[in-house]
Amino acid sequence: MPAYVIVEIQVHDPVKFEEYKKQAPASIAAYGGKYLARGGAVETLDGNWAPERVVLLEFPSMERAREWYNSEQYAGAIQLRHASATSQFILVEGL
């Protein structure tokens, strides 16, 4: 069953964040993940949520998504993300 990682990101240091964007994709792919959306236009349709940047990832399962997030391969990218942005991550089970 697929799983989705939904991320809201507010970038504070664009130069460091570019390094994060270079490192993250290989780690995602290594765990069977793929980008479905990556920082494109965002439009609020209802409510007050107005995120600056949204990323949507699809993984084969919740287990694989967790393995990716906790992997050594992604650990360096996490440090870059924490140094360059504020983010919220959630994991959602698909149908």
PDB file of N, CA and C in Angstrom:
ATOM      1  N   MET A   1       0.848  -1.168   0.000  1.00  0.00           N
ATOM      2  CA  MET A   1       0.000   0.000   0.000  1.00  0.00           C
ATOM      3  C   MET A   1       0.898   1.237   0.000  1.00  0.00           C
ATOM      4  N   PRO A   2       0.661   2.200  -0.891  1.00  0.00           N
ATOM      5  CA  PRO A   2       1.540   3.373  -0.949  1.00  0.00           C
ATOM      6  C   PRO A   2       1.410   4.236   0.302  1.00  0.00           C
ATOM      7  N   ALA A   3       2.410   5.054   0.496  1.00  0.00           N
ATOM      8  CA  ALA A   3       2.420   6.013   1.599  1.00  0.00           C
ATOM      9  C   ALA A   3       2.947   7.335   1.064  1.00  0.00           C
ATOM     10  N   TYR A   4       2.534   8.412   1.690  1.00  0.00           N
ATOM     11  CA  TYR A   4       2.885   9.743   1.216  1.00  0.00           C
ATOM     12  C   TYR A   4       3.517  10.555   2.338  1.00  0.00           C
ATOM     13  N   VAL A   5       4.610  11.206   2.022  1.00  0.00           N
ATOM     14  CA  VAL A   5       5.235  12.149   2.932  1.00  0.00           C
ATOM     15  C   VAL A   5       4.860  13.532   2.419  1.00  0.00           C
ATOM     16  N   ILE A   6       4.216  14.302   3.280  1.00  0.00           N
ATOM     17  CA  ILE A   6       3.806  15.652   2.940  1.00  0.00           C
ATOM     18  C   ILE A   6       4.649  16.598   3.780  1.00  0.00           C
ATOM     19  N   VAL A   7       5.265  17.567   3.100  1.00  0.00           N
ATOM     20  CA  VAL A   7       6.217  18.452   3.752  1.00  0.00           C
ATOM     21  C   VAL A   7       5.848  19.903   3.471  1.00  0.00           C
ATOM     22  N   GLU A   8       5.863  20.705   4.521  1.00  0.00           N
ATOM     23  CA  GLU A   8       5.747  22.152   4.384  1.00  0.00           C
ATOM     24  C   GLU A   8       7.091  22.741   4.790  1.00  0.00           C
ATOM     25  N   ILE A   9       7.643  23.606   3.947  1.00  0.00           N
ATOM     26  CA  ILE A   9       8.984  24.138   4.192  1.00  0.00           C
ATOM     27  C   ILE A   9       8.982  25.664   4.048  1.00  0.00           C
ATOM     28  N   GLN A  10       9.628  26.320   4.999  1.00  0.00           N
ATOM     29  CA  GLN A  10       9.907  27.753   4.905  1.00  0.00           C
ATOM     30  C   GLN A  10      11.432  27.893   4.849  1.00  0.00           C
ATOM     31  N   VAL A  11      11.942  28.324   3.714  1.00  0.00           N
ATOM     32  CA  VAL A  11      13.385  28.419   3.495  1.00  0.00           C
ATOM     33  C   VAL A  11      13.908  29.729   4.077  1.00  0.00           C
ATOM     34  N   HIS A  12      14.985  29.618   4.900  1.00  0.00           N
ATOM     35  CA  HIS A  12      15.610  30.793   5.508  1.00  0.00           C
ATOM     36  C   HIS A  12      16.984  31.085   4.905  1.00  0.00           C
ATOM     37  N   ASP A  13      17.623  30.073   4.382  1.00  0.00           N
ATOM     38  CA  ASP A  13      18.953  30.222   3.775  1.00  0.00           C
ATOM     39  C   ASP A  13      18.936  29.504   2.425  1.00  0.00           C
ATOM     40  N   PRO A  14      18.601  30.239   1.355  1.00  0.00           N
ATOM     41  CA  PRO A  14      18.465  29.607   0.032  1.00  0.00           C
ATOM     42  C   PRO A  14      19.731  28.919  -0.478  1.00  0.00           C
ATOM     43  N   VAL A  15      20.898  29.430  -0.137  1.00  0.00           N
ATOM     44  CA  VAL A  15      22.144  28.819  -0.611  1.00  0.00           C
ATOM     45  C   VAL A  15      22.323  27.434  -0.002  1.00  0.00           C
ATOM     46  N   LYS A  16      22.177  27.324   1.319  1.00  0.00           N
ATOM     47  CA  LYS A  16      22.282  26.009   1.972  1.00  0.00           C
ATOM     48  C   LYS A  16      21.158  25.086   1.522  1.00  0.00           C
ATOM     49  N   PHE A  17      19.977  25.650   1.316  1.00  0.00           N
ATOM     50  CA  PHE A  17      18.850  24.815   0.913  1.00  0.00           C
ATOM     51  C   PHE A  17      19.082  24.206  -0.469  1.00  0.00           C
ATOM     52  N   GLU A  18      19.775  24.897  -1.340  1.00  0.00           N
ATOM     53  CA  GLU A  18      20.114  24.328  -2.655  1.00  0.00           C
ATOM     54  C   GLU A  18      20.963  23.074  -2.493  1.00  0.00           C
ATOM     55  N   GLU A  19      21.842  23.062  -1.504  1.00  0.00           N
ATOM     56  CA  GLU A  19      22.641  21.867  -1.237  1.00  0.00           C
ATOM     57  C   GLU A  19      21.745  20.723  -0.769  1.00  0.00           C
ATOM     58  N   TYR A  20      20.780  21.032   0.076  1.00  0.00           N
ATOM     59  CA  TYR A  20      19.813  20.015   0.512  1.00  0.00           C
ATOM     60  C   TYR A  20      19.095  19.426  -0.705  1.00  0.00           C
ATOM     61  N   LYS A  21      18.641  20.297  -1.604  1.00  0.00           N
ATOM     62  CA  LYS A  21      17.905  19.841  -2.793  1.00  0.00           C
ATOM     63  C   LYS A  21      18.756  18.950  -3.691  1.00  0.00           C
ATOM     64  N   LYS A  22      20.061  19.116  -3.637  1.00  0.00           N
ATOM     65  CA  LYS A  22      20.952  18.252  -4.421  1.00  0.00           C
ATOM     66  C   LYS A  22      21.119  16.883  -3.769  1.00  0.00           C
ATOM     67  N   GLN A  23      21.100  16.836  -2.437  1.00  0.00           N
ATOM     68  CA  GLN A  23      21.363  15.581  -1.720  1.00  0.00           C
ATOM     69  C   GLN A  23      20.125  14.704  -1.531  1.00  0.00           C
ATOM     70  N   ALA A  24      18.988  15.307  -1.309  1.00  0.00           N
ATOM     71  CA  ALA A  24      17.793  14.540  -0.946  1.00  0.00           C
ATOM     72  C   ALA A  24      17.310  13.561  -2.016  1.00  0.00           C
ATOM     73  N   PRO A  25      17.272  13.916  -3.309  1.00  0.00           N
ATOM     74  CA  PRO A  25      16.657  13.017  -4.299  1.00  0.00           C
ATOM     75  C   PRO A  25      17.255  11.608  -4.359  1.00  0.00           C
ATOM     76  N   ALA A  26      18.555  11.481  -4.270  1.00  0.00           N
ATOM     77  CA  ALA A  26      19.166  10.140  -4.348  1.00  0.00           C
ATOM     78  C   ALA A  26      18.730   9.269  -3.173  1.00  0.00           C
ATOM     79  N   SER A  27      18.634   9.865  -1.993  1.00  0.00           N
ATOM     80  CA  SER A  27      18.208   9.080  -0.832  1.00  0.00           C
ATOM     81  C   SER A  27      16.750   8.661  -0.975  1.00  0.00           C
ATOM     82  N   ILE A  28      15.923   9.524  -1.488  1.00  0.00           N
ATOM     83  CA  ILE A  28      14.503   9.206  -1.694  1.00  0.00           C
ATOM     84  C   ILE A  28      14.365   8.045  -2.679  1.00  0.00           C
ATOM     85  N   ALA A  29      15.060   8.142  -3.799  1.00  0.00           N
ATOM     86  CA  ALA A  29      14.992   7.100  -4.828  1.00  0.00           C
ATOM     87  C   ALA A  29      15.508   5.760  -4.308  1.00  0.00           C
ATOM     88  N   ALA A  30      16.520   5.788  -3.449  1.00  0.00           N
ATOM     89  CA  ALA A  30      17.097   4.557  -2.919  1.00  0.00           C
ATOM     90  C   ALA A  30      16.093   3.751  -2.094  1.00  0.00           C
ATOM     91  N   TYR A  31      15.049   4.383  -1.606  1.00  0.00           N
ATOM     92  CA  TYR A  31      14.023   3.703  -0.810  1.00  0.00           C
ATOM     93  C   TYR A  31      12.705   3.560  -1.581  1.00  0.00           C
ATOM     94  N   GLY A  32      12.793   3.698  -2.908  1.00  0.00           N
ATOM     95  CA  GLY A  32      11.622   3.508  -3.749  1.00  0.00           C
ATOM     96  C   GLY A  32      10.688   4.702  -3.791  1.00  0.00           C
ATOM     97  N   GLY A  33      11.154   5.833  -3.290  1.00  0.00           N
ATOM     98  CA  GLY A  33      10.316   7.025  -3.269  1.00  0.00           C
ATOM     99  C   GLY A  33      10.442   7.843  -4.540  1.00  0.00           C
ATOM    100  N   LYS A  34       9.443   8.687  -4.749  1.00  0.00           N
ATOM    101  CA  LYS A  34       9.491   9.605  -5.886  1.00  0.00           C
ATOM    102  C   LYS A  34       8.734  10.885  -5.535  1.00  0.00           C
ATOM    103  N   TYR A  35       9.155  11.951  -6.178  1.00  0.00           N
ATOM    104  CA  TYR A  35       8.492  13.236  -6.003  1.00  0.00           C
ATOM    105  C   TYR A  35       7.199  13.258  -6.815  1.00  0.00           C
ATOM    106  N   LEU A  36       6.129  13.716  -6.198  1.00  0.00           N
ATOM    107  CA  LEU A  36       4.881  13.983  -6.907  1.00  0.00           C
ATOM    108  C   LEU A  36       4.676  15.484  -7.048  1.00  0.00           C
ATOM    109  N   ALA A  37       5.201  16.247  -6.109  1.00  0.00           N
ATOM    110  CA  ALA A  37       5.200  17.716  -6.164  1.00  0.00           C
ATOM    111  C   ALA A  37       6.444  18.184  -5.430  1.00  0.00           C
ATOM    112  N   ARG A  38       7.050  19.244  -5.953  1.00  0.00           N
ATOM    113  CA  ARG A  38       8.290  19.722  -5.341  1.00  0.00           C
ATOM    114  C   ARG A  38       8.399  21.239  -5.461  1.00  0.00           C
ATOM    115  N   GLY A  39       7.696  21.931  -4.571  1.00  0.00           N
ATOM    116  CA  GLY A  39       7.862  23.370  -4.480  1.00  0.00           C
ATOM    117  C   GLY A  39       7.217  24.189  -5.576  1.00  0.00           C
ATOM    118  N   GLY A  40       6.218  23.656  -6.258  1.00  0.00           N
ATOM    119  CA  GLY A  40       5.532  24.420  -7.292  1.00  0.00           C
ATOM    120  C   GLY A  40       4.551  25.419  -6.695  1.00  0.00           C
ATOM    121  N   ALA A  41       3.737  25.973  -7.547  1.00  0.00           N
ATOM    122  CA  ALA A  41       2.747  26.961  -7.110  1.00  0.00           C
ATOM    123  C   ALA A  41       1.785  26.343  -6.094  1.00  0.00           C
ATOM    124  N   VAL A  42       1.438  27.141  -5.085  1.00  0.00           N
ATOM    125  CA  VAL A  42       0.504  26.719  -4.037  1.00  0.00           C
ATOM    126  C   VAL A  42      -0.643  27.718  -3.998  1.00  0.00           C
ATOM    127  N   GLU A  43      -1.852  27.219  -3.967  1.00  0.00           N
ATOM    128  CA  GLU A  43      -3.041  28.068  -3.904  1.00  0.00           C
ATOM    129  C   GLU A  43      -3.940  27.572  -2.785  1.00  0.00           C
ATOM    130  N   THR A  44      -4.288  28.448  -1.865  1.00  0.00           N
ATOM    131  CA  THR A  44      -5.188  28.091  -0.773  1.00  0.00           C
ATOM    132  C   THR A  44      -6.619  28.142  -1.292  1.00  0.00           C
ATOM    133  N   LEU A  45      -7.334  27.040  -1.168  1.00  0.00           N
ATOM    134  CA  LEU A  45      -8.719  26.975  -1.636  1.00  0.00           C
ATOM    135  C   LEU A  45      -9.718  27.217  -0.512  1.00  0.00           C
ATOM    136  N   ASP A  46      -9.346  26.850   0.716  1.00  0.00           N
ATOM    137  CA  ASP A  46     -10.258  27.003   1.849  1.00  0.00           C
ATOM    138  C   ASP A  46      -9.415  27.070   3.119  1.00  0.00           C
ATOM    139  N   GLY A  47      -9.788  27.868   4.063  1.00  0.00           N
ATOM    140  CA  GLY A  47      -9.051  27.967   5.316  1.00  0.00           C
ATOM    141  C   GLY A  47      -7.916  28.967   5.230  1.00  0.00           C
ATOM    142  N   ASN A  48      -7.028  28.910   6.228  1.00  0.00           N
ATOM    143  CA  ASN A  48      -5.950  29.886   6.367  1.00  0.00           C
ATOM    144  C   ASN A  48      -4.570  29.342   6.038  1.00  0.00           C
ATOM    145  N   TRP A  49      -4.462  28.069   5.694  1.00  0.00           N
ATOM    146  CA  TRP A  49      -3.158  27.476   5.437  1.00  0.00           C
ATOM    147  C   TRP A  49      -2.585  28.065   4.146  1.00  0.00           C
ATOM    148  N   ALA A  50      -1.441  28.716   4.240  1.00  0.00           N
ATOM    149  CA  ALA A  50      -0.794  29.321   3.080  1.00  0.00           C
ATOM    150  C   ALA A  50       0.694  28.982   3.102  1.00  0.00           C
ATOM    151  N   PRO A  51       1.053  27.738   2.853  1.00  0.00           N
ATOM    152  CA  PRO A  51       2.462  27.339   2.925  1.00  0.00           C
ATOM    153  C   PRO A  51       3.293  27.997   1.825  1.00  0.00           C
ATOM    154  N   GLU A  52       4.533  28.266   2.155  1.00  0.00           N
ATOM    155  CA  GLU A  52       5.480  28.849   1.206  1.00  0.00           C
ATOM    156  C   GLU A  52       5.911  27.813   0.163  1.00  0.00           C
ATOM    157  N   ARG A  53       6.181  26.606   0.628  1.00  0.00           N
ATOM    158  CA  ARG A  53       6.691  25.540  -0.246  1.00  0.00           C
ATOM    159  C   ARG A  53       6.139  24.215   0.263  1.00  0.00           C
ATOM    160  N   VAL A  54       5.633  23.389  -0.654  1.00  0.00           N
ATOM    161  CA  VAL A  54       5.096  22.076  -0.298  1.00  0.00           C
ATOM    162  C   VAL A  54       5.778  21.025  -1.160  1.00  0.00           C
ATOM    163  N   VAL A  55       6.126  19.905  -0.531  1.00  0.00           N
ATOM    164  CA  VAL A  55       6.700  18.767  -1.244  1.00  0.00           C
ATOM    165  C   VAL A  55       5.828  17.557  -0.925  1.00  0.00           C
ATOM    166  N   LEU A  56       5.537  16.775  -1.959  1.00  0.00           N
ATOM    167  CA  LEU A  56       4.758  15.548  -1.798  1.00  0.00           C
ATOM    168  C   LEU A  56       5.571  14.398  -2.365  1.00  0.00           C
ATOM    169  N   LEU A  57       5.865  13.414  -1.494  1.00  0.00           N
ATOM    170  CA  LEU A  57       6.627  12.230  -1.892  1.00  0.00           C
ATOM    171  C   LEU A  57       5.743  10.999  -1.791  1.00  0.00           C
ATOM    172  N   GLU A  58       5.946  10.065  -2.708  1.00  0.00           N
ATOM    173  CA  GLU A  58       5.249   8.782  -2.644  1.00  0.00           C
ATOM    174  C   GLU A  58       6.274   7.675  -2.440  1.00  0.00           C
ATOM    175  N   PHE A  59       5.992   6.785  -1.488  1.00  0.00           N
ATOM    176  CA  PHE A  59       6.816   5.617  -1.214  1.00  0.00           C
ATOM    177  C   PHE A  59       5.960   4.367  -1.361  1.00  0.00           C
ATOM    178  N   PRO A  60       6.589   3.209  -1.571  1.00  0.00           N
ATOM    179  CA  PRO A  60       5.821   1.973  -1.715  1.00  0.00           C
ATOM    180  C   PRO A  60       5.029   1.596  -0.464  1.00  0.00           C
ATOM    181  N   SER A  61       5.508   2.040   0.705  1.00  0.00           N
ATOM    182  CA  SER A  61       4.842   1.688   1.968  1.00  0.00           C
ATOM    183  C   SER A  61       5.262   2.672   3.051  1.00  0.00           C
ATOM    184  N   MET A  62       4.528   2.651   4.147  1.00  0.00           N
ATOM    185  CA  MET A  62       4.908   3.486   5.290  1.00  0.00           C
ATOM    186  C   MET A  62       6.258   3.041   5.842  1.00  0.00           C
ATOM    187  N   GLU A  63       6.485   1.734   5.844  1.00  0.00           N
ATOM    188  CA  GLU A  63       7.758   1.213   6.340  1.00  0.00           C
ATOM    189  C   GLU A  63       8.937   1.758   5.540  1.00  0.00           C
ATOM    190  N   ARG A  64       8.814   1.758   4.211  1.00  0.00           N
ATOM    191  CA  ARG A  64       9.910   2.264   3.369  1.00  0.00           C
ATOM    192  C   ARG A  64      10.118   3.759   3.586  1.00  0.00           C
ATOM    193  N   ALA A  65       9.035   4.501   3.768  1.00  0.00           N
ATOM    194  CA  ALA A  65       9.157   5.942   4.034  1.00  0.00           C
ATOM    195  C   ALA A  65       9.891   6.177   5.351  1.00  0.00           C
ATOM    196  N   ARG A  66       9.544   5.419   6.369  1.00  0.00           N
ATOM    197  CA  ARG A  66      10.224   5.547   7.670  1.00  0.00           C
ATOM    198  C   ARG A  66      11.697   5.168   7.546  1.00  0.00           C
ATOM    199  N   GLU A  67      11.979   4.094   6.818  1.00  0.00           N
ATOM    200  CA  GLU A  67      13.369   3.670   6.613  1.00  0.00           C
ATOM    201  C   GLU A  67      14.169   4.778   5.943  1.00  0.00           C
ATOM    202  N   TRP A  68      13.579   5.406   4.926  1.00  0.00           N
ATOM    203  CA  TRP A  68      14.248   6.523   4.249  1.00  0.00           C
ATOM    204  C   TRP A  68      14.535   7.652   5.236  1.00  0.00           C
ATOM    205  N   TYR A  69      13.499   8.089   5.947  1.00  0.00           N
ATOM    206  CA  TYR A  69      13.645   9.248   6.815  1.00  0.00           C
ATOM    207  C   TYR A  69      14.701   9.016   7.896  1.00  0.00           C
ATOM    208  N   ASN A  70      14.804   7.795   8.375  1.00  0.00           N
ATOM    209  CA  ASN A  70      15.746   7.464   9.442  1.00  0.00           C
ATOM    210  C   ASN A  70      17.078   6.914   8.932  1.00  0.00           C
ATOM    211  N   SER A  71      17.296   6.943   7.629  1.00  0.00           N
ATOM    212  CA  SER A  71      18.493   6.336   7.043  1.00  0.00           C
ATOM    213  C   SER A  71      19.735   7.210   7.210  1.00  0.00           C
ATOM    214  N   GLU A  72      20.882   6.553   7.206  1.00  0.00           N
ATOM    215  CA  GLU A  72      22.158   7.266   7.215  1.00  0.00           C
ATOM    216  C   GLU A  72      22.318   8.075   5.939  1.00  0.00           C
ATOM    217  N   GLN A  73      21.787   7.564   4.837  1.00  0.00           N
ATOM    218  CA  GLN A  73      21.905   8.250   3.559  1.00  0.00           C
ATOM    219  C   GLN A  73      21.197   9.607   3.584  1.00  0.00           C
ATOM    220  N   TYR A  74      20.102   9.720   4.311  1.00  0.00           N
ATOM    221  CA  TYR A  74      19.364  10.984   4.380  1.00  0.00           C
ATOM    222  C   TYR A  74      19.837  11.877   5.529  1.00  0.00           C
ATOM    223  N   ALA A  75      20.591  11.353   6.467  1.00  0.00           N
ATOM    224  CA  ALA A  75      20.982  12.086   7.678  1.00  0.00           C
ATOM    225  C   ALA A  75      21.715  13.395   7.374  1.00  0.00           C
ATOM    226  N   GLY A  76      22.630  13.382   6.433  1.00  0.00           N
ATOM    227  CA  GLY A  76      23.350  14.609   6.081  1.00  0.00           C
ATOM    228  C   GLY A  76      22.429  15.663   5.483  1.00  0.00           C
ATOM    229  N   ALA A  77      21.489  15.208   4.672  1.00  0.00           N
ATOM    230  CA  ALA A  77      20.526  16.136   4.077  1.00  0.00           C
ATOM    231  C   ALA A  77      19.637  16.745   5.161  1.00  0.00           C
ATOM    232  N   ILE A  78      19.263  15.955   6.156  1.00  0.00           N
ATOM    233  CA  ILE A  78      18.444  16.487   7.253  1.00  0.00           C
ATOM    234  C   ILE A  78      19.185  17.630   7.953  1.00  0.00           C
ATOM    235  N   GLN A  79      20.465  17.465   8.190  1.00  0.00           N
ATOM    236  CA  GLN A  79      21.236  18.524   8.832  1.00  0.00           C
ATOM    237  C   GLN A  79      21.219  19.800   7.997  1.00  0.00           C
ATOM    238  N   LEU A  80      21.366  19.665   6.690  1.00  0.00           N
ATOM    239  CA  LEU A  80      21.294  20.835   5.804  1.00  0.00           C
ATOM    240  C   LEU A  80      19.913  21.479   5.851  1.00  0.00           C
ATOM    241  N   ARG A  81      18.880  20.645   5.863  1.00  0.00           N
ATOM    242  CA  ARG A  81      17.515  21.184   5.913  1.00  0.00           C
ATOM    243  C   ARG A  81      17.280  21.944   7.207  1.00  0.00           C
ATOM    244  N   HIS A  82      17.704  21.378   8.318  1.00  0.00           N
ATOM    245  CA  HIS A  82      17.533  22.047   9.604  1.00  0.00           C
ATOM    246  C   HIS A  82      18.304  23.368   9.665  1.00  0.00           C
ATOM    247  N   ALA A  83      19.457  23.433   8.995  1.00  0.00           N
ATOM    248  CA  ALA A  83      20.273  24.646   9.001  1.00  0.00           C
ATOM    249  C   ALA A  83      19.743  25.718   8.051  1.00  0.00           C
ATOM    250  N   SER A  84      18.893  25.328   7.099  1.00  0.00           N
ATOM    251  CA  SER A  84      18.477  26.276   6.064  1.00  0.00           C
ATOM    252  C   SER A  84      16.985  26.554   6.019  1.00  0.00           C
ATOM    253  N   ALA A  85      16.191  25.799   6.769  1.00  0.00           N
ATOM    254  CA  ALA A  85      14.740  25.937   6.642  1.00  0.00           C
ATOM    255  C   ALA A  85      14.043  25.438   7.903  1.00  0.00           C
ATOM    256  N   THR A  86      12.782  25.829   8.013  1.00  0.00           N
ATOM    257  CA  THR A  86      11.885  25.286   9.029  1.00  0.00           C
ATOM    258  C   THR A  86      10.904  24.394   8.276  1.00  0.00           C
ATOM    259  N   SER A  87      10.661  23.200   8.780  1.00  0.00           N
ATOM    260  CA  SER A  87       9.806  22.285   8.023  1.00  0.00           C
ATOM    261  C   SER A  87       8.916  21.468   8.939  1.00  0.00           C
ATOM    262  N   GLN A  88       7.833  21.004   8.354  1.00  0.00           N
ATOM    263  CA  GLN A  88       6.872  20.111   8.999  1.00  0.00           C
ATOM    264  C   GLN A  88       6.734  18.887   8.084  1.00  0.00           C
ATOM    265  N   PHE A  89       6.887  17.696   8.636  1.00  0.00           N
ATOM    266  CA  PHE A  89       6.778  16.452   7.863  1.00  0.00           C
ATOM    267  C   PHE A  89       5.647  15.611   8.448  1.00  0.00           C
ATOM    268  N   ILE A  90       4.791  15.077   7.599  1.00  0.00           N
ATOM    269  CA  ILE A  90       3.834  14.071   8.047  1.00  0.00           C
ATOM    270  C   ILE A  90       3.878  12.893   7.089  1.00  0.00           C
ATOM    271  N   LEU A  91       3.545  11.718   7.597  1.00  0.00           N
ATOM    272  CA  LEU A  91       3.490  10.483   6.825  1.00  0.00           C
ATOM    273  C   LEU A  91       2.039  10.017   6.814  1.00  0.00           C
ATOM    274  N   VAL A  92       1.505   9.794   5.613  1.00  0.00           N
ATOM    275  CA  VAL A  92       0.099   9.438   5.447  1.00  0.00           C
ATOM    276  C   VAL A  92      -0.009   8.109   4.687  1.00  0.00           C
ATOM    277  N   GLU A  93      -0.778   7.179   5.232  1.00  0.00           N
ATOM    278  CA  GLU A  93      -1.000   5.908   4.562  1.00  0.00           C
ATOM    279  C   GLU A  93      -1.963   6.114   3.393  1.00  0.00           C
ATOM    280  N   GLY A  94      -1.609   5.566   2.237  1.00  0.00           N
ATOM    281  CA  GLY A  94      -2.453   5.682   1.051  1.00  0.00           C
ATOM    282  C   GLY A  94      -3.466   4.551   0.977  1.00  0.00           C
ATOM    283  N   LEU A  95      -4.211   4.559  -0.114  1.00  0.00           N
ATOM    284  CA  LEU A  95      -5.235   3.548  -0.352  1.00  0.00           C
ATOM    285  C   LEU A  95      -4.721   2.473  -1.287  1.00  0.00           C
TER     286      LEU A  95
END
